């Protein structure tokens, strides 16, 4: 934990409610992290994205863009 703090890492995930020593965390940063994690879970529903069938990175990126557009339009 000290090594992470020395690198400048900050806690984003809130501690459990029953923890004796509550650590501080950034609530706004946690909300943004939560949105990003939910977005990645929705994108991974597309099989080509989850398994990365494309060999070329440009084709994979095009698939990610297409899947992102489909998710955002729903």
C-alpha atoms as a PDB file:
ATOM      1  CA  UNK A   1       0.000   0.000   0.000  1.00  0.00           C
ATOM      2  CA  UNK A   2       2.848   2.382   0.781  1.00  0.00           C
ATOM      3  CA  UNK A   3       4.421   1.646  -2.596  1.00  0.00           C
ATOM      4  CA  UNK A   4       1.213   2.619  -4.383  1.00  0.00           C
ATOM      5  CA  UNK A   5       0.896   5.839  -2.421  1.00  0.00           C
ATOM      6  CA  UNK A   6       4.515   6.664  -3.232  1.00  0.00           C
ATOM      7  CA  UNK A   7       3.687   6.293  -6.932  1.00  0.00           C
ATOM      8  CA  UNK A   8       0.801   8.732  -6.581  1.00  0.00           C
ATOM      9  CA  UNK A   9      -2.052   6.192  -6.743  1.00  0.00           C
ATOM     10  CA  UNK A  10      -5.259   7.129  -4.967  1.00  0.00           C
ATOM     11  CA  UNK A  11      -8.063   4.921  -3.658  1.00  0.00           C
ATOM     12  CA  UNK A  12     -11.101   5.017  -5.906  1.00  0.00           C
ATOM     13  CA  UNK A  13     -13.151   2.067  -4.640  1.00  0.00           C
ATOM     14  CA  UNK A  14     -15.002   2.857  -1.400  1.00  0.00           C
ATOM     15  CA  UNK A  15     -14.193   0.734   1.663  1.00  0.00           C
ATOM     16  CA  UNK A  16     -16.736  -1.663   3.167  1.00  0.00           C
ATOM     17  CA  UNK A  17     -19.125  -0.135   5.665  1.00  0.00           C
ATOM     18  CA  UNK A  18     -18.109  -2.522   8.441  1.00  0.00           C
ATOM     19  CA  UNK A  19     -14.390  -1.728   8.151  1.00  0.00           C
ATOM     20  CA  UNK A  20     -12.952  -0.405  11.404  1.00  0.00           C
ATOM     21  CA  UNK A  21     -10.655   2.179   9.812  1.00  0.00           C
ATOM     22  CA  UNK A  22     -12.444   3.890   6.934  1.00  0.00           C
ATOM     23  CA  UNK A  23     -10.102   5.142   4.219  1.00  0.00           C
ATOM     24  CA  UNK A  24     -10.843   8.221   2.165  1.00  0.00           C
ATOM     25  CA  UNK A  25     -11.794   7.954  -1.496  1.00  0.00           C
ATOM     26  CA  UNK A  26     -12.831  10.332  -4.255  1.00  0.00           C
ATOM     27  CA  UNK A  27     -16.574   9.916  -4.831  1.00  0.00           C
ATOM     28  CA  UNK A  28     -16.652  11.751  -8.167  1.00  0.00           C
ATOM     29  CA  UNK A  29     -13.767   9.691  -9.529  1.00  0.00           C
ATOM     30  CA  UNK A  30     -15.554   6.523  -8.378  1.00  0.00           C
ATOM     31  CA  UNK A  31     -18.702   7.552 -10.277  1.00  0.00           C
ATOM     32  CA  UNK A  32     -16.677   8.052 -13.461  1.00  0.00           C
ATOM     33  CA  UNK A  33     -14.890   4.716 -12.959  1.00  0.00           C
ATOM     34  CA  UNK A  34     -18.247   2.983 -12.485  1.00  0.00           C
ATOM     35  CA  UNK A  35     -19.594   4.401 -15.766  1.00  0.00           C
ATOM     36  CA  UNK A  36     -16.495   3.267 -17.643  1.00  0.00           C
ATOM     37  CA  UNK A  37     -16.664  -0.248 -16.185  1.00  0.00           C
ATOM     38  CA  UNK A  38     -20.329  -0.534 -17.152  1.00  0.00           C
ATOM     39  CA  UNK A  39     -19.518   0.608 -20.682  1.00  0.00           C
ATOM     40  CA  UNK A  40     -16.783  -2.025 -21.046  1.00  0.00           C
ATOM     41  CA  UNK A  41     -19.124  -4.747 -19.816  1.00  0.00           C
ATOM     42  CA  UNK A  42     -21.689  -3.728 -22.450  1.00  0.00           C
ATOM     43  CA  UNK A  43     -19.070  -3.705 -25.202  1.00  0.00           C
ATOM     44  CA  UNK A  44     -17.851  -7.163 -24.187  1.00  0.00           C
ATOM     45  CA  UNK A  45     -21.293  -8.525 -25.057  1.00  0.00           C
ATOM     46  CA  UNK A  46     -20.147  -8.313 -28.677  1.00  0.00           C
ATOM     47  CA  UNK A  47     -18.335 -11.585 -29.381  1.00  0.00           C
ATOM     48  CA  UNK A  48     -15.719 -10.166 -31.752  1.00  0.00           C
ATOM     49  CA  UNK A  49     -14.692  -7.596 -29.159  1.00  0.00           C
ATOM     50  CA  UNK A  50     -14.591  -9.998 -26.211  1.00  0.00           C
ATOM     51  CA  UNK A  51     -12.488 -12.603 -28.034  1.00  0.00           C
ATOM     52  CA  UNK A  52     -10.520 -10.223 -30.293  1.00  0.00           C
ATOM     53  CA  UNK A  53     -10.760 -12.239 -33.498  1.00  0.00           C
ATOM     54  CA  UNK A  54      -9.258  -9.496 -35.668  1.00  0.00           C
ATOM     55  CA  UNK A  55      -5.529  -9.756 -36.239  1.00  0.00           C
ATOM     56  CA  UNK A  56      -5.033  -6.136 -37.266  1.00  0.00           C
ATOM     57  CA  UNK A  57      -5.437  -3.464 -34.653  1.00  0.00           C
ATOM     58  CA  UNK A  58      -7.208  -1.124 -37.089  1.00  0.00           C
ATOM     59  CA  UNK A  59      -9.897  -3.757 -37.730  1.00  0.00           C
ATOM     60  CA  UNK A  60     -10.314  -4.351 -34.004  1.00  0.00           C
ATOM     61  CA  UNK A  61     -10.574  -0.606 -33.380  1.00  0.00           C
ATOM     62  CA  UNK A  62     -13.213  -0.350 -36.097  1.00  0.00           C
ATOM     63  CA  UNK A  63     -15.159  -3.115 -34.347  1.00  0.00           C
ATOM     64  CA  UNK A  64     -14.856  -1.288 -31.036  1.00  0.00           C
ATOM     65  CA  UNK A  65     -16.171   1.883 -32.665  1.00  0.00           C
ATOM     66  CA  UNK A  66     -19.089  -0.012 -34.199  1.00  0.00           C
ATOM     67  CA  UNK A  67     -19.932  -1.743 -30.917  1.00  0.00           C
ATOM     68  CA  UNK A  68     -19.645   1.563 -29.057  1.00  0.00           C
ATOM     69  CA  UNK A  69     -22.031   3.219 -31.469  1.00  0.00           C
ATOM     70  CA  UNK A  70     -24.520   0.365 -31.058  1.00  0.00           C
ATOM     71  CA  UNK A  71     -24.319   0.600 -27.265  1.00  0.00           C
ATOM     72  CA  UNK A  72     -24.703   4.373 -27.242  1.00  0.00           C
ATOM     73  CA  UNK A  73     -27.667   4.300 -29.639  1.00  0.00           C
ATOM     74  CA  UNK A  74     -29.620   1.877 -27.456  1.00  0.00           C
END
